[in-house]
PDB file of all heavy atoms in Angstrom:
ATOM      1  N   SER A   1      19.163 -11.871  -5.578  1.00  0.00           N
ATOM      2  CA  SER A   1      19.439 -10.447  -5.791  1.00  0.00           C
ATOM      3  C   SER A   1      18.376  -9.561  -5.138  1.00  0.00           C
ATOM      4  O   SER A   1      18.800  -8.512  -4.588  1.00  0.00           O
ATOM      5  CB  SER A   1      19.537 -10.052  -7.310  1.00  0.00           C
ATOM      6  OG  SER A   1      20.595 -10.863  -7.959  1.00  0.00           O
ATOM      7  N   LEU A   2      17.183  -9.995  -5.274  1.00  0.00           N
ATOM      8  CA  LEU A   2      16.101  -9.254  -4.579  1.00  0.00           C
ATOM      9  C   LEU A   2      16.222  -9.081  -3.108  1.00  0.00           C
ATOM     10  O   LEU A   2      15.931  -8.131  -2.426  1.00  0.00           O
ATOM     11  CB  LEU A   2      14.718  -9.776  -4.906  1.00  0.00           C
ATOM     12  CG  LEU A   2      14.237  -9.266  -6.251  1.00  0.00           C
ATOM     13  CD1 LEU A   2      12.873 -10.166  -6.633  1.00  0.00           C
ATOM     14  CD2 LEU A   2      13.783  -7.934  -6.393  1.00  0.00           C
ATOM     15  N   SER A   3      16.614 -10.294  -2.530  1.00  0.00           N
ATOM     16  CA  SER A   3      16.985 -10.265  -1.051  1.00  0.00           C
ATOM     17  C   SER A   3      17.996  -9.319  -0.663  1.00  0.00           C
ATOM     18  O   SER A   3      17.911  -8.748   0.394  1.00  0.00           O
ATOM     19  CB  SER A   3      17.169 -11.687  -0.636  1.00  0.00           C
ATOM     20  OG  SER A   3      18.490 -12.028  -1.148  1.00  0.00           O
ATOM     21  N   GLU A   4      19.002  -9.187  -1.587  1.00  0.00           N
ATOM     22  CA  GLU A   4      20.033  -8.119  -1.223  1.00  0.00           C
ATOM     23  C   GLU A   4      19.592  -6.671  -1.409  1.00  0.00           C
ATOM     24  O   GLU A   4      19.844  -5.781  -0.666  1.00  0.00           O
ATOM     25  CB  GLU A   4      21.344  -8.371  -2.144  1.00  0.00           C
ATOM     26  CG  GLU A   4      22.063  -9.790  -1.779  1.00  0.00           C
ATOM     27  CD  GLU A   4      22.430  -9.875  -0.491  1.00  0.00           C
ATOM     28  OE1 GLU A   4      22.883  -8.827   0.187  1.00  0.00           O
ATOM     29  OE2 GLU A   4      22.567 -10.934   0.113  1.00  0.00           O
ATOM     30  N   ILE A   5      18.899  -6.363  -2.422  1.00  0.00           N
ATOM     31  CA  ILE A   5      18.237  -5.128  -2.720  1.00  0.00           C
ATOM     32  C   ILE A   5      17.266  -4.766  -1.777  1.00  0.00           C
ATOM     33  O   ILE A   5      17.121  -3.445  -1.250  1.00  0.00           O
ATOM     34  CB  ILE A   5      17.598  -5.148  -4.061  1.00  0.00           C
ATOM     35  CG1 ILE A   5      18.642  -5.444  -5.261  1.00  0.00           C
ATOM     36  CG2 ILE A   5      16.857  -3.794  -4.349  1.00  0.00           C
ATOM     37  CD1 ILE A   5      18.043  -5.554  -6.526  1.00  0.00           C
ATOM     38  N   PHE A   6      16.595  -5.658  -1.092  1.00  0.00           N
ATOM     39  CA  PHE A   6      15.650  -5.489   0.004  1.00  0.00           C
ATOM     40  C   PHE A   6      16.256  -4.782   1.181  1.00  0.00           C
ATOM     41  O   PHE A   6      15.666  -3.979   1.941  1.00  0.00           O
ATOM     42  CB  PHE A   6      14.877  -6.804   0.329  1.00  0.00           C
ATOM     43  CG  PHE A   6      13.841  -6.546   1.330  1.00  0.00           C
ATOM     44  CD1 PHE A   6      12.661  -5.946   1.104  1.00  0.00           C
ATOM     45  CD2 PHE A   6      13.972  -6.946   2.670  1.00  0.00           C
ATOM     46  CE1 PHE A   6      11.588  -5.638   1.958  1.00  0.00           C
ATOM     47  CE2 PHE A   6      12.951  -6.652   3.704  1.00  0.00           C
ATOM     48  CZ  PHE A   6      11.759  -6.171   3.295  1.00  0.00           C
ATOM     49  N   LYS A   7      17.461  -5.102   1.520  1.00  0.00           N
ATOM     50  CA  LYS A   7      18.314  -4.508   2.638  1.00  0.00           C
ATOM     51  C   LYS A   7      18.650  -3.089   2.296  1.00  0.00           C
ATOM     52  O   LYS A   7      18.821  -2.166   3.148  1.00  0.00           O
ATOM     53  CB  LYS A   7      19.471  -5.300   2.827  1.00  0.00           C
ATOM     54  CG  LYS A   7      19.336  -6.757   3.216  1.00  0.00           C
ATOM     55  CD  LYS A   7      20.751  -7.449   3.283  1.00  0.00           C
ATOM     56  CE  LYS A   7      20.577  -8.991   3.399  1.00  0.00           C
ATOM     57  NZ  LYS A   7      21.806  -9.679   3.398  1.00  0.00           N
ATOM     58  N   PHE A   8      18.635  -2.708   0.967  1.00  0.00           N
ATOM     59  CA  PHE A   8      19.064  -1.395   0.579  1.00  0.00           C
ATOM     60  C   PHE A   8      18.044  -0.339   0.273  1.00  0.00           C
ATOM     61  O   PHE A   8      17.889   0.682   0.777  1.00  0.00           O
ATOM     62  CB  PHE A   8      19.980  -1.623  -0.715  1.00  0.00           C
ATOM     63  CG  PHE A   8      20.494  -0.328  -1.227  1.00  0.00           C
ATOM     64  CD1 PHE A   8      21.454   0.368  -0.568  1.00  0.00           C
ATOM     65  CD2 PHE A   8      19.981   0.206  -2.311  1.00  0.00           C
ATOM     66  CE1 PHE A   8      21.906   1.555  -1.196  1.00  0.00           C
ATOM     67  CE2 PHE A   8      20.386   1.456  -2.987  1.00  0.00           C
ATOM     68  CZ  PHE A   8      21.432   2.109  -2.362  1.00  0.00           C
ATOM     69  N   ASN A   9      16.972  -0.921  -0.374  1.00  0.00           N
ATOM     70  CA  ASN A   9      15.777  -0.096  -0.781  1.00  0.00           C
ATOM     71  C   ASN A   9      14.563  -0.844  -1.005  1.00  0.00           C
ATOM     72  O   ASN A   9      14.477  -1.580  -1.895  1.00  0.00           O
ATOM     73  CB  ASN A   9      16.253   0.632  -2.033  1.00  0.00           C
ATOM     74  CG  ASN A   9      15.308   1.879  -2.385  1.00  0.00           C
ATOM     75  OD1 ASN A   9      14.058   1.742  -2.147  1.00  0.00           O
ATOM     76  ND2 ASN A   9      15.760   2.958  -2.870  1.00  0.00           N
ATOM     77  N   THR A  10      13.677  -0.796  -0.121  1.00  0.00           N
ATOM     78  CA  THR A  10      12.386  -1.577  -0.157  1.00  0.00           C
ATOM     79  C   THR A  10      11.544  -1.073  -1.413  1.00  0.00           C
ATOM     80  O   THR A  10      10.793  -1.972  -1.940  1.00  0.00           O
ATOM     81  CB  THR A  10      11.600  -1.546   1.054  1.00  0.00           C
ATOM     82  OG1 THR A  10      11.403  -0.153   1.437  1.00  0.00           O
ATOM     83  CG2 THR A  10      12.428  -2.286   2.166  1.00  0.00           C
ATOM     84  N   ILE A  11      11.544   0.137  -1.645  1.00  0.00           N
ATOM     85  CA  ILE A  11      10.653   0.716  -2.621  1.00  0.00           C
ATOM     86  C   ILE A  11      11.045   0.171  -4.019  1.00  0.00           C
ATOM     87  O   ILE A  11      10.273  -0.323  -4.883  1.00  0.00           O
ATOM     88  CB  ILE A  11      10.567   2.267  -2.804  1.00  0.00           C
ATOM     89  CG1 ILE A  11      10.025   2.752  -1.446  1.00  0.00           C
ATOM     90  CG2 ILE A  11       9.752   2.747  -3.951  1.00  0.00           C
ATOM     91  CD1 ILE A  11       8.549   2.406  -1.152  1.00  0.00           C
ATOM     92  N   MET A  12      12.413   0.209  -4.286  1.00  0.00           N
ATOM     93  CA  MET A  12      13.065  -0.301  -5.450  1.00  0.00           C
ATOM     94  C   MET A  12      12.730  -1.762  -5.611  1.00  0.00           C
ATOM     95  O   MET A  12      12.345  -2.253  -6.842  1.00  0.00           O
ATOM     96  CB  MET A  12      14.596  -0.224  -5.517  1.00  0.00           C
ATOM     97  CG  MET A  12      15.207  -0.476  -6.759  1.00  0.00           C
ATOM     98  SD  MET A  12      17.029  -0.426  -6.622  1.00  0.00           S
ATOM     99  CE  MET A  12      17.197   1.281  -6.686  1.00  0.00           C
ATOM    100  N   MET A  13      12.734  -2.609  -4.547  1.00  0.00           N
ATOM    101  CA  MET A  13      12.312  -4.011  -4.709  1.00  0.00           C
ATOM    102  C   MET A  13      10.898  -4.242  -5.089  1.00  0.00           C
ATOM    103  O   MET A  13      10.528  -5.022  -6.058  1.00  0.00           O
ATOM    104  CB  MET A  13      12.566  -4.695  -3.350  1.00  0.00           C
ATOM    105  CG  MET A  13      12.174  -6.213  -3.332  1.00  0.00           C
ATOM    106  SD  MET A  13      12.302  -6.978  -1.578  1.00  0.00           S
ATOM    107  CE  MET A  13      11.616  -8.578  -2.117  1.00  0.00           C
ATOM    108  N   LEU A  14       9.865  -3.452  -4.587  1.00  0.00           N
ATOM    109  CA  LEU A  14       8.590  -3.552  -5.069  1.00  0.00           C
ATOM    110  C   LEU A  14       8.413  -3.279  -6.667  1.00  0.00           C
ATOM    111  O   LEU A  14       7.663  -3.844  -7.357  1.00  0.00           O
ATOM    112  CB  LEU A  14       7.594  -2.513  -4.339  1.00  0.00           C
ATOM    113  CG  LEU A  14       7.484  -2.971  -2.825  1.00  0.00           C
ATOM    114  CD1 LEU A  14       6.661  -1.850  -2.166  1.00  0.00           C
ATOM    115  CD2 LEU A  14       6.792  -4.242  -2.764  1.00  0.00           C
ATOM    116  N   VAL A  15       9.170  -2.217  -6.994  1.00  0.00           N
ATOM    117  CA  VAL A  15       9.175  -1.902  -8.431  1.00  0.00           C
ATOM    118  C   VAL A  15       9.787  -2.913  -9.340  1.00  0.00           C
ATOM    119  O   VAL A  15       9.186  -3.376 -10.416  1.00  0.00           O
ATOM    120  CB  VAL A  15       9.952  -0.387  -8.725  1.00  0.00           C
ATOM    121  CG1 VAL A  15       9.888  -0.215 -10.223  1.00  0.00           C
ATOM    122  CG2 VAL A  15       9.224   0.626  -8.052  1.00  0.00           C
ATOM    123  N   MET A  16      10.798  -3.655  -8.783  1.00  0.00           N
ATOM    124  CA  MET A  16      11.371  -4.727  -9.363  1.00  0.00           C
ATOM    125  C   MET A  16      10.478  -5.875  -9.533  1.00  0.00           C
ATOM    126  O   MET A  16      10.420  -6.573 -10.621  1.00  0.00           O
ATOM    127  CB  MET A  16      12.658  -5.254  -8.671  1.00  0.00           C
ATOM    128  CG  MET A  16      13.798  -4.291  -8.664  1.00  0.00           C
ATOM    129  SD  MET A  16      14.594  -4.239 -10.363  1.00  0.00           S
ATOM    130  CE  MET A  16      15.984  -3.235 -10.026  1.00  0.00           C
ATOM    131  N   LEU A  17       9.803  -6.114  -8.567  1.00  0.00           N
ATOM    132  CA  LEU A  17       8.785  -7.296  -8.541  1.00  0.00           C
ATOM    133  C   LEU A  17       7.680  -6.913  -9.675  1.00  0.00           C
ATOM    134  O   LEU A  17       7.255  -7.900 -10.434  1.00  0.00           O
ATOM    135  CB  LEU A  17       8.133  -7.482  -7.244  1.00  0.00           C
ATOM    136  CG  LEU A  17       8.984  -8.080  -6.191  1.00  0.00           C
ATOM    137  CD1 LEU A  17       8.183  -7.949  -4.851  1.00  0.00           C
ATOM    138  CD2 LEU A  17       9.264  -9.535  -6.525  1.00  0.00           C
ATOM    139  N   MET A  18       7.282  -5.816  -9.750  1.00  0.00           N
ATOM    140  CA  MET A  18       6.329  -5.410 -10.844  1.00  0.00           C
ATOM    141  C   MET A  18       7.037  -5.623 -12.235  1.00  0.00           C
ATOM    142  O   MET A  18       6.265  -6.139 -13.129  1.00  0.00           O
ATOM    143  CB  MET A  18       5.773  -4.066 -10.675  1.00  0.00           C
ATOM    144  CG  MET A  18       4.762  -3.619 -11.670  1.00  0.00           C
ATOM    145  SD  MET A  18       4.390  -1.862 -11.530  1.00  0.00           S
ATOM    146  CE  MET A  18       5.852  -1.020 -12.227  1.00  0.00           C
ATOM    147  N   MET A  19       8.105  -5.214 -12.412  1.00  0.00           N
ATOM    148  CA  MET A  19       8.872  -5.377 -13.681  1.00  0.00           C
ATOM    149  C   MET A  19       9.028  -6.873 -13.984  1.00  0.00           C
ATOM    150  O   MET A  19       9.033  -7.242 -15.208  1.00  0.00           O
ATOM    151  CB  MET A  19      10.200  -4.687 -13.639  1.00  0.00           C
ATOM    152  CG  MET A  19      10.089  -3.111 -13.304  1.00  0.00           C
ATOM    153  SD  MET A  19       9.095  -2.255 -14.492  1.00  0.00           S
ATOM    154  CE  MET A  19      10.100  -2.407 -16.128  1.00  0.00           C
ATOM    155  N   MET A  20       9.287  -7.681 -13.038  1.00  0.00           N
ATOM    156  CA  MET A  20       9.449  -9.072 -13.351  1.00  0.00           C
ATOM    157  C   MET A  20       8.009  -9.674 -13.864  1.00  0.00           C
ATOM    158  O   MET A  20       8.146 -10.564 -14.703  1.00  0.00           O
ATOM    159  CB  MET A  20       9.925  -9.850 -11.958  1.00  0.00           C
ATOM    160  CG  MET A  20      11.321  -9.574 -11.519  1.00  0.00           C
ATOM    161  SD  MET A  20      11.671 -10.313  -9.951  1.00  0.00           S
ATOM    162  CE  MET A  20      11.727 -12.112 -10.463  1.00  0.00           C
ATOM    163  N   PHE A  21       7.010  -9.154 -13.363  1.00  0.00           N
ATOM    164  CA  PHE A  21       5.611  -9.571 -13.857  1.00  0.00           C
ATOM    165  C   PHE A  21       5.673  -9.251 -15.309  1.00  0.00           C
ATOM    166  O   PHE A  21       5.133  -9.934 -16.130  1.00  0.00           O
ATOM    167  CB  PHE A  21       4.570  -8.967 -13.050  1.00  0.00           C
ATOM    168  CG  PHE A  21       3.274  -9.266 -13.606  1.00  0.00           C
ATOM    169  CD1 PHE A  21       2.702 -10.492 -13.746  1.00  0.00           C
ATOM    170  CD2 PHE A  21       2.493  -8.199 -14.195  1.00  0.00           C
ATOM    171  CE1 PHE A  21       1.436 -10.666 -14.205  1.00  0.00           C
ATOM    172  CE2 PHE A  21       1.305  -8.411 -14.817  1.00  0.00           C
ATOM    173  CZ  PHE A  21       0.776  -9.574 -14.755  1.00  0.00           C
ATOM    174  N   LEU A  22       6.116  -8.023 -15.728  1.00  0.00           N
ATOM    175  CA  LEU A  22       6.096  -7.681 -17.119  1.00  0.00           C
ATOM    176  C   LEU A  22       6.902  -8.517 -17.977  1.00  0.00           C
ATOM    177  O   LEU A  22       6.609  -8.874 -19.101  1.00  0.00           O
ATOM    178  CB  LEU A  22       6.736  -6.196 -17.182  1.00  0.00           C
ATOM    179  CG  LEU A  22       5.686  -5.089 -16.881  1.00  0.00           C
ATOM    180  CD1 LEU A  22       6.342  -3.691 -17.110  1.00  0.00           C
ATOM    181  CD2 LEU A  22       4.465  -5.043 -17.574  1.00  0.00           C
ATOM    182  N   SER A  23       8.064  -9.046 -17.396  1.00  0.00           N
ATOM    183  CA  SER A  23       8.919  -9.912 -18.136  1.00  0.00           C
ATOM    184  C   SER A  23       8.202 -11.247 -18.521  1.00  0.00           C
ATOM    185  O   SER A  23       8.316 -11.799 -19.477  1.00  0.00           O
ATOM    186  CB  SER A  23      10.207 -10.230 -17.499  1.00  0.00           C
ATOM    187  OG  SER A  23      10.117 -11.123 -16.374  1.00  0.00           O
ATOM    188  N   ALA A  24       7.363 -11.744 -17.514  1.00  0.00           N
ATOM    189  CA  ALA A  24       6.661 -12.927 -17.673  1.00  0.00           C
ATOM    190  C   ALA A  24       5.523 -12.792 -18.791  1.00  0.00           C
ATOM    191  O   ALA A  24       5.326 -13.585 -19.594  1.00  0.00           O
ATOM    192  CB  ALA A  24       5.944 -13.338 -16.416  1.00  0.00           C
ATOM    193  N   LEU A  25       5.092 -11.473 -18.826  1.00  0.00           N
ATOM    194  CA  LEU A  25       4.114 -11.227 -20.004  1.00  0.00           C
ATOM    195  C   LEU A  25       4.860 -11.257 -21.407  1.00  0.00           C
ATOM    196  O   LEU A  25       4.263 -11.700 -22.331  1.00  0.00           O
ATOM    197  CB  LEU A  25       3.491  -9.815 -19.802  1.00  0.00           C
ATOM    198  CG  LEU A  25       2.444  -9.741 -18.519  1.00  0.00           C
ATOM    199  CD1 LEU A  25       1.904  -8.333 -18.509  1.00  0.00           C
ATOM    200  CD2 LEU A  25       1.356 -10.708 -18.827  1.00  0.00           C
ATOM    201  N   THR A  26       6.037 -10.775 -21.400  1.00  0.00           N
ATOM    202  CA  THR A  26       6.711 -10.641 -22.758  1.00  0.00           C
ATOM    203  C   THR A  26       7.002 -12.076 -23.140  1.00  0.00           C
ATOM    204  O   THR A  26       6.894 -12.402 -24.448  1.00  0.00           O
ATOM    205  CB  THR A  26       8.032  -9.908 -22.586  1.00  0.00           C
ATOM    206  OG1 THR A  26       8.809 -10.464 -21.603  1.00  0.00           O
ATOM    207  CG2 THR A  26       7.774  -8.399 -22.102  1.00  0.00           C
ATOM    208  N   PHE A  27       7.417 -13.080 -22.267  1.00  0.00           N
ATOM    209  CA  PHE A  27       7.644 -14.288 -22.623  1.00  0.00           C
ATOM    210  C   PHE A  27       6.542 -15.120 -22.969  1.00  0.00           C
ATOM    211  O   PHE A  27       6.508 -16.327 -23.364  1.00  0.00           O
ATOM    212  CB  PHE A  27       8.668 -15.095 -21.658  1.00  0.00           C
ATOM    213  CG  PHE A  27      10.147 -14.594 -21.791  1.00  0.00           C
ATOM    214  CD1 PHE A  27      10.610 -13.633 -20.870  1.00  0.00           C
ATOM    215  CD2 PHE A  27      10.906 -15.058 -22.691  1.00  0.00           C
ATOM    216  CE1 PHE A  27      11.950 -13.319 -20.908  1.00  0.00           C
ATOM    217  CE2 PHE A  27      12.270 -14.687 -22.855  1.00  0.00           C
ATOM    218  CZ  PHE A  27      12.710 -13.789 -21.987  1.00  0.00           C
ATOM    219  N   SER A  28       5.287 -14.671 -22.604  1.00  0.00           N
ATOM    220  CA  SER A  28       4.029 -15.318 -22.874  1.00  0.00           C
ATOM    221  C   SER A  28       3.975 -15.540 -24.500  1.00  0.00           C
ATOM    222  O   SER A  28       3.057 -16.291 -24.991  1.00  0.00           O
ATOM    223  CB  SER A  28       2.842 -14.616 -22.333  1.00  0.00           C
ATOM    224  OG  SER A  28       2.708 -13.396 -22.826  1.00  0.00           O
TER     225      SER A  28
END
C-alpha cells in the first residue's frame, strides 16, 4: 500500500511511516 501511495504523494508516505512507528509503540 505504501509503494502505491508513494506514487501519489511522498509527504503522505513519510507521515504514514511515522504513524506505523506509533502503532508499534501501542502494541508494545
